[in-house]
């Protein structure tokens, strides 16, 4: 009798989550007139790009969001 294949843990919903650059999302998603989120201060295009961005680009997105937050 053959043994069953080992059970693999399920893949996370977003398999490209980076432990190096965590998402700034705080689950308060409301866009203003300029399409900037009131929760994380990312522009809607940055939010869309996040999943495919590498760590360097994510750091840039976070820095830009911090600048927006400081001006708010």
PDB file of N, CA and C in Angstrom:
ATOM      1  N   UNK A   1       0.838  -1.187   0.000  1.00  0.00           N
ATOM      2  CA  UNK A   1       0.000   0.000   0.000  1.00  0.00           C
ATOM      3  C   UNK A   1       0.882   1.250   0.000  1.00  0.00           C
ATOM      4  N   UNK A   2       0.536   2.216  -0.819  1.00  0.00           N
ATOM      5  CA  UNK A   2       1.329   3.442  -0.892  1.00  0.00           C
ATOM      6  C   UNK A   2       0.847   4.434   0.148  1.00  0.00           C
ATOM      7  N   UNK A   3       1.789   5.240   0.583  1.00  0.00           N
ATOM      8  CA  UNK A   3       1.442   6.262   1.572  1.00  0.00           C
ATOM      9  C   UNK A   3       0.846   7.472   0.869  1.00  0.00           C
ATOM     10  N   UNK A   4      -0.096   8.135   1.524  1.00  0.00           N
ATOM     11  CA  UNK A   4      -0.676   9.346   0.905  1.00  0.00           C
ATOM     12  C   UNK A   4       0.378  10.452   0.825  1.00  0.00           C
ATOM     13  N   UNK A   5       0.173  11.319  -0.134  1.00  0.00           N
ATOM     14  CA  UNK A   5       1.078  12.460  -0.292  1.00  0.00           C
ATOM     15  C   UNK A   5       0.996  13.344   0.943  1.00  0.00           C
ATOM     16  N   UNK A   6       2.112  13.954   1.333  1.00  0.00           N
ATOM     17  CA  UNK A   6       2.067  14.849   2.491  1.00  0.00           C
ATOM     18  C   UNK A   6       1.130  16.024   2.223  1.00  0.00           C
ATOM     19  N   UNK A   7       0.470  16.437   3.268  1.00  0.00           N
ATOM     20  CA  UNK A   7      -0.466  17.553   3.149  1.00  0.00           C
ATOM     21  C   UNK A   7       0.323  18.850   3.205  1.00  0.00           C
ATOM     22  N   UNK A   8       0.136  19.666   2.191  1.00  0.00           N
ATOM     23  CA  UNK A   8       0.805  20.968   2.151  1.00  0.00           C
ATOM     24  C   UNK A   8      -0.107  22.018   2.771  1.00  0.00           C
ATOM     25  N   UNK A   9       0.466  22.977   3.477  1.00  0.00           N
ATOM     26  CA  UNK A   9      -0.382  24.054   3.992  1.00  0.00           C
ATOM     27  C   UNK A   9      -0.930  24.864   2.830  1.00  0.00           C
ATOM     28  N   UNK A  10      -2.108  25.433   2.983  1.00  0.00           N
ATOM     29  CA  UNK A  10      -2.664  26.234   1.885  1.00  0.00           C
ATOM     30  C   UNK A  10      -1.805  27.457   1.619  1.00  0.00           C
ATOM     31  N   UNK A  11      -1.778  27.863   0.359  1.00  0.00           N
ATOM     32  CA  UNK A  11      -1.057  29.081   0.002  1.00  0.00           C
ATOM     33  C   UNK A  11      -1.809  30.280   0.565  1.00  0.00           C
ATOM     34  N   UNK A  12      -1.084  31.294   1.008  1.00  0.00           N
ATOM     35  CA  UNK A  12      -1.778  32.493   1.468  1.00  0.00           C
ATOM     36  C   UNK A  12      -2.523  33.139   0.308  1.00  0.00           C
ATOM     37  N   UNK A  13      -3.527  33.927   0.630  1.00  0.00           N
ATOM     38  CA  UNK A  13      -4.315  34.595  -0.390  1.00  0.00           C
ATOM     39  C   UNK A  13      -3.409  35.386  -1.328  1.00  0.00           C
ATOM     40  N   UNK A  14      -2.445  36.091  -0.770  1.00  0.00           N
ATOM     41  CA  UNK A  14      -1.478  36.827  -1.564  1.00  0.00           C
ATOM     42  C   UNK A  14      -0.136  36.140  -1.359  1.00  0.00           C
ATOM     43  N   UNK A  15       0.278  35.348  -2.314  1.00  0.00           N
ATOM     44  CA  UNK A  15       1.476  34.548  -2.136  1.00  0.00           C
ATOM     45  C   UNK A  15       2.758  35.365  -2.226  1.00  0.00           C
ATOM     46  N   UNK A  16       2.648  36.627  -2.580  1.00  0.00           N
ATOM     47  CA  UNK A  16       3.856  37.443  -2.684  1.00  0.00           C
ATOM     48  C   UNK A  16       3.980  38.411  -1.504  1.00  0.00           C
ATOM     49  N   UNK A  17       3.413  38.066  -0.362  1.00  0.00           N
ATOM     50  CA  UNK A  17       3.532  38.899   0.826  1.00  0.00           C
ATOM     51  C   UNK A  17       4.991  38.894   1.252  1.00  0.00           C
ATOM     52  N   UNK A  18       5.507  40.062   1.522  1.00  0.00           N
ATOM     53  CA  UNK A  18       6.912  40.189   1.883  1.00  0.00           C
ATOM     54  C   UNK A  18       7.058  40.464   3.369  1.00  0.00           C
ATOM     55  N   UNK A  19       7.799  39.628   4.087  1.00  0.00           N
ATOM     56  CA  UNK A  19       8.042  39.939   5.499  1.00  0.00           C
ATOM     57  C   UNK A  19       8.970  41.140   5.661  1.00  0.00           C
ATOM     58  N   UNK A  20       9.718  41.486   4.612  1.00  0.00           N
ATOM     59  CA  UNK A  20      10.649  42.611   4.689  1.00  0.00           C
ATOM     60  C   UNK A  20       9.929  43.954   4.650  1.00  0.00           C
ATOM     61  N   UNK A  21       8.833  44.032   3.894  1.00  0.00           N
ATOM     62  CA  UNK A  21       8.094  45.291   3.754  1.00  0.00           C
ATOM     63  C   UNK A  21       6.610  44.982   3.943  1.00  0.00           C
ATOM     64  N   UNK A  22       6.129  45.079   5.183  1.00  0.00           N
ATOM     65  CA  UNK A  22       4.716  44.777   5.417  1.00  0.00           C
ATOM     66  C   UNK A  22       3.811  45.835   4.804  1.00  0.00           C
ATOM     67  N   UNK A  23       2.626  45.428   4.464  1.00  0.00           N
ATOM     68  CA  UNK A  23       1.653  46.359   3.895  1.00  0.00           C
ATOM     69  C   UNK A  23       1.281  47.421   4.928  1.00  0.00           C
ATOM     70  N   UNK A  24       1.172  48.671   4.502  1.00  0.00           N
ATOM     71  CA  UNK A  24       0.758  49.733   5.419  1.00  0.00           C
ATOM     72  C   UNK A  24      -0.755  49.775   5.638  1.00  0.00           C
ATOM     73  N   UNK A  25      -1.493  48.874   4.992  1.00  0.00           N
ATOM     74  CA  UNK A  25      -2.948  48.870   5.099  1.00  0.00           C
ATOM     75  C   UNK A  25      -3.375  48.658   6.550  1.00  0.00           C
ATOM     76  N   UNK A  26      -4.328  49.493   7.011  1.00  0.00           N
ATOM     77  CA  UNK A  26      -4.877  49.334   8.359  1.00  0.00           C
ATOM     78  C   UNK A  26      -6.361  48.989   8.298  1.00  0.00           C
ATOM     79  N   UNK A  27      -6.818  48.569   7.140  1.00  0.00           N
ATOM     80  CA  UNK A  27      -8.213  48.170   6.911  1.00  0.00           C
ATOM     81  C   UNK A  27      -9.197  49.307   7.171  1.00  0.00           C
ATOM     82  N   UNK A  28      -8.794  50.513   6.843  1.00  0.00           N
ATOM     83  CA  UNK A  28      -9.690  51.678   6.858  1.00  0.00           C
ATOM     84  C   UNK A  28      -9.601  52.285   5.459  1.00  0.00           C
ATOM     85  N   UNK A  29     -10.267  51.644   4.537  1.00  0.00           N
ATOM     86  CA  UNK A  29     -10.111  51.957   3.115  1.00  0.00           C
ATOM     87  C   UNK A  29     -11.177  52.949   2.659  1.00  0.00           C
ATOM     88  N   UNK A  30     -10.794  54.220   2.601  1.00  0.00           N
ATOM     89  CA  UNK A  30     -11.665  55.286   2.113  1.00  0.00           C
ATOM     90  C   UNK A  30     -10.823  56.206   1.247  1.00  0.00           C
ATOM     91  N   UNK A  31     -11.212  56.371  -0.006  1.00  0.00           N
ATOM     92  CA  UNK A  31     -10.449  57.223  -0.917  1.00  0.00           C
ATOM     93  C   UNK A  31     -10.985  58.642  -0.893  1.00  0.00           C
ATOM     94  N   UNK A  32     -10.068  59.609  -0.937  1.00  0.00           N
ATOM     95  CA  UNK A  32     -10.471  61.011  -1.018  1.00  0.00           C
ATOM     96  C   UNK A  32     -10.601  61.423  -2.486  1.00  0.00           C
ATOM     97  N   UNK A  33     -10.762  62.714  -2.726  1.00  0.00           N
ATOM     98  CA  UNK A  33     -10.955  63.218  -4.089  1.00  0.00           C
ATOM     99  C   UNK A  33      -9.742  62.972  -4.984  1.00  0.00           C
ATOM    100  N   UNK A  34      -8.561  62.918  -4.383  1.00  0.00           N
ATOM    101  CA  UNK A  34      -7.328  62.664  -5.154  1.00  0.00           C
ATOM    102  C   UNK A  34      -7.023  61.168  -5.276  1.00  0.00           C
ATOM    103  N   UNK A  35      -7.949  60.328  -4.835  1.00  0.00           N
ATOM    104  CA  UNK A  35      -7.804  58.870  -4.870  1.00  0.00           C
ATOM    105  C   UNK A  35      -6.677  58.385  -3.969  1.00  0.00           C
ATOM    106  N   UNK A  36      -6.558  59.017  -2.793  1.00  0.00           N
ATOM    107  CA  UNK A  36      -5.601  58.617  -1.775  1.00  0.00           C
ATOM    108  C   UNK A  36      -6.397  58.033  -0.608  1.00  0.00           C
ATOM    109  N   UNK A  37      -5.948  56.893  -0.102  1.00  0.00           N
ATOM    110  CA  UNK A  37      -6.642  56.222   0.988  1.00  0.00           C
ATOM    111  C   UNK A  37      -6.448  56.975   2.304  1.00  0.00           C
ATOM    112  N   UNK A  38      -7.535  57.163   3.041  1.00  0.00           N
ATOM    113  CA  UNK A  38      -7.470  57.830   4.345  1.00  0.00           C
ATOM    114  C   UNK A  38      -6.808  56.955   5.405  1.00  0.00           C
ATOM    115  N   UNK A  39      -6.741  55.659   5.172  1.00  0.00           N
ATOM    116  CA  UNK A  39      -6.147  54.751   6.154  1.00  0.00           C
ATOM    117  C   UNK A  39      -4.646  54.630   6.024  1.00  0.00           C
ATOM    118  N   UNK A  40      -4.165  54.336   4.822  1.00  0.00           N
ATOM    119  CA  UNK A  40      -2.728  54.077   4.634  1.00  0.00           C
ATOM    120  C   UNK A  40      -2.009  55.185   3.869  1.00  0.00           C
ATOM    121  N   UNK A  41      -2.762  56.107   3.299  1.00  0.00           N
ATOM    122  CA  UNK A  41      -2.217  57.247   2.548  1.00  0.00           C
ATOM    123  C   UNK A  41      -1.513  56.850   1.254  1.00  0.00           C
ATOM    124  N   UNK A  42      -1.831  55.661   0.754  1.00  0.00           N
ATOM    125  CA  UNK A  42      -1.324  55.280  -0.564  1.00  0.00           C
ATOM    126  C   UNK A  42      -2.319  55.733  -1.623  1.00  0.00           C
ATOM    127  N   UNK A  43      -1.794  56.101  -2.784  1.00  0.00           N
ATOM    128  CA  UNK A  43      -2.654  56.421  -3.929  1.00  0.00           C
ATOM    129  C   UNK A  43      -3.234  55.120  -4.449  1.00  0.00           C
ATOM    130  N   UNK A  44      -4.401  55.183  -5.058  1.00  0.00           N
ATOM    131  CA  UNK A  44      -5.061  53.976  -5.544  1.00  0.00           C
ATOM    132  C   UNK A  44      -4.167  53.192  -6.512  1.00  0.00           C
ATOM    133  N   UNK A  45      -3.377  53.874  -7.315  1.00  0.00           N
ATOM    134  CA  UNK A  45      -2.469  53.174  -8.235  1.00  0.00           C
ATOM    135  C   UNK A  45      -1.365  52.439  -7.474  1.00  0.00           C
ATOM    136  N   UNK A  46      -0.904  53.016  -6.363  1.00  0.00           N
ATOM    137  CA  UNK A  46       0.097  52.336  -5.538  1.00  0.00           C
ATOM    138  C   UNK A  46      -0.509  51.092  -4.886  1.00  0.00           C
ATOM    139  N   UNK A  47      -1.754  51.180  -4.474  1.00  0.00           N
ATOM    140  CA  UNK A  47      -2.439  50.030  -3.881  1.00  0.00           C
ATOM    141  C   UNK A  47      -2.555  48.907  -4.908  1.00  0.00           C
ATOM    142  N   UNK A  48      -2.915  49.260  -6.124  1.00  0.00           N
ATOM    143  CA  UNK A  48      -3.022  48.261  -7.191  1.00  0.00           C
ATOM    144  C   UNK A  48      -1.672  47.624  -7.504  1.00  0.00           C
ATOM    145  N   UNK A  49      -0.631  48.434  -7.479  1.00  0.00           N
ATOM    146  CA  UNK A  49       0.712  47.956  -7.827  1.00  0.00           C
ATOM    147  C   UNK A  49       1.324  47.090  -6.731  1.00  0.00           C
ATOM    148  N   UNK A  50       0.867  47.233  -5.505  1.00  0.00           N
ATOM    149  CA  UNK A  50       1.503  46.612  -4.349  1.00  0.00           C
ATOM    150  C   UNK A  50       1.761  45.119  -4.532  1.00  0.00           C
ATOM    151  N   UNK A  51       0.784  44.403  -5.044  1.00  0.00           N
ATOM    152  CA  UNK A  51       0.924  42.945  -5.172  1.00  0.00           C
ATOM    153  C   UNK A  51       2.080  42.534  -6.067  1.00  0.00           C
ATOM    154  N   UNK A  52       2.353  43.303  -7.092  1.00  0.00           N
ATOM    155  CA  UNK A  52       3.414  42.920  -8.028  1.00  0.00           C
ATOM    156  C   UNK A  52       4.726  43.655  -7.774  1.00  0.00           C
ATOM    157  N   UNK A  53       4.748  44.581  -6.827  1.00  0.00           N
ATOM    158  CA  UNK A  53       5.949  45.378  -6.563  1.00  0.00           C
ATOM    159  C   UNK A  53       6.991  44.576  -5.796  1.00  0.00           C
ATOM    160  N   UNK A  54       8.265  44.834  -6.114  1.00  0.00           N
ATOM    161  CA  UNK A  54       9.325  44.210  -5.326  1.00  0.00           C
ATOM    162  C   UNK A  54       9.546  45.027  -4.055  1.00  0.00           C
ATOM    163  N   UNK A  55      10.413  44.549  -3.170  1.00  0.00           N
ATOM    164  CA  UNK A  55      10.612  45.220  -1.886  1.00  0.00           C
ATOM    165  C   UNK A  55      11.101  46.653  -2.037  1.00  0.00           C
ATOM    166  N   UNK A  56      11.980  46.899  -2.998  1.00  0.00           N
ATOM    167  CA  UNK A  56      12.490  48.262  -3.201  1.00  0.00           C
ATOM    168  C   UNK A  56      11.353  49.213  -3.577  1.00  0.00           C
ATOM    169  N   UNK A  57      10.500  48.787  -4.495  1.00  0.00           N
ATOM    170  CA  UNK A  57       9.366  49.630  -4.904  1.00  0.00           C
ATOM    171  C   UNK A  57       8.386  49.804  -3.749  1.00  0.00           C
ATOM    172  N   UNK A  58       8.186  48.757  -2.968  1.00  0.00           N
ATOM    173  CA  UNK A  58       7.289  48.871  -1.811  1.00  0.00           C
ATOM    174  C   UNK A  58       7.812  49.891  -0.803  1.00  0.00           C
ATOM    175  N   UNK A  59       9.123  49.932  -0.636  1.00  0.00           N
ATOM    176  CA  UNK A  59       9.700  50.931   0.282  1.00  0.00           C
ATOM    177  C   UNK A  59       9.438  52.349  -0.232  1.00  0.00           C
ATOM    178  N   UNK A  60       9.527  52.538  -1.546  1.00  0.00           N
ATOM    179  CA  UNK A  60       9.239  53.850  -2.141  1.00  0.00           C
ATOM    180  C   UNK A  60       7.769  54.202  -1.921  1.00  0.00           C
ATOM    181  N   UNK A  61       6.880  53.258  -2.152  1.00  0.00           N
ATOM    182  CA  UNK A  61       5.444  53.496  -1.958  1.00  0.00           C
ATOM    183  C   UNK A  61       5.174  53.882  -0.504  1.00  0.00           C
ATOM    184  N   UNK A  62       5.791  53.175   0.432  1.00  0.00           N
ATOM    185  CA  UNK A  62       5.596  53.480   1.855  1.00  0.00           C
ATOM    186  C   UNK A  62       6.139  54.865   2.205  1.00  0.00           C
ATOM    187  N   UNK A  63       7.280  55.221   1.655  1.00  0.00           N
ATOM    188  CA  UNK A  63       7.864  56.537   1.922  1.00  0.00           C
ATOM    189  C   UNK A  63       6.967  57.650   1.388  1.00  0.00           C
ATOM    190  N   UNK A  64       6.431  57.456   0.195  1.00  0.00           N
ATOM    191  CA  UNK A  64       5.520  58.454  -0.376  1.00  0.00           C
ATOM    192  C   UNK A  64       4.249  58.562   0.452  1.00  0.00           C
ATOM    193  N   UNK A  65       3.761  57.426   0.947  1.00  0.00           N
ATOM    194  CA  UNK A  65       2.570  57.439   1.789  1.00  0.00           C
ATOM    195  C   UNK A  65       2.841  58.175   3.104  1.00  0.00           C
ATOM    196  N   UNK A  66       4.020  57.973   3.665  1.00  0.00           N
ATOM    197  CA  UNK A  66       4.386  58.688   4.901  1.00  0.00           C
ATOM    198  C   UNK A  66       4.439  60.187   4.680  1.00  0.00           C
ATOM    199  N   UNK A  67       4.949  60.606   3.518  1.00  0.00           N
ATOM    200  CA  UNK A  67       4.985  62.033   3.190  1.00  0.00           C
ATOM    201  C   UNK A  67       3.570  62.601   3.104  1.00  0.00           C
ATOM    202  N   UNK A  68       2.672  61.865   2.457  1.00  0.00           N
ATOM    203  CA  UNK A  68       1.283  62.314   2.373  1.00  0.00           C
ATOM    204  C   UNK A  68       0.662  62.412   3.757  1.00  0.00           C
ATOM    205  N   UNK A  69       0.942  61.426   4.579  1.00  0.00           N
ATOM    206  CA  UNK A  69       0.398  61.406   5.952  1.00  0.00           C
ATOM    207  C   UNK A  69       0.893  62.611   6.745  1.00  0.00           C
ATOM    208  N   UNK A  70       2.163  62.957   6.597  1.00  0.00           N
ATOM    209  CA  UNK A  70       2.730  64.104   7.313  1.00  0.00           C
ATOM    210  C   UNK A  70       2.104  65.419   6.870  1.00  0.00           C
ATOM    211  N   UNK A  71       1.695  65.488   5.597  1.00  0.00           N
ATOM    212  CA  UNK A  71       1.073  66.715   5.087  1.00  0.00           C
ATOM    213  C   UNK A  71      -0.412  66.810   5.442  1.00  0.00           C
ATOM    214  N   UNK A  72      -0.997  65.688   5.856  1.00  0.00           N
ATOM    215  CA  UNK A  72      -2.444  65.654   6.140  1.00  0.00           C
ATOM    216  C   UNK A  72      -2.790  66.360   7.444  1.00  0.00           C
TER     217      UNK A  72
END
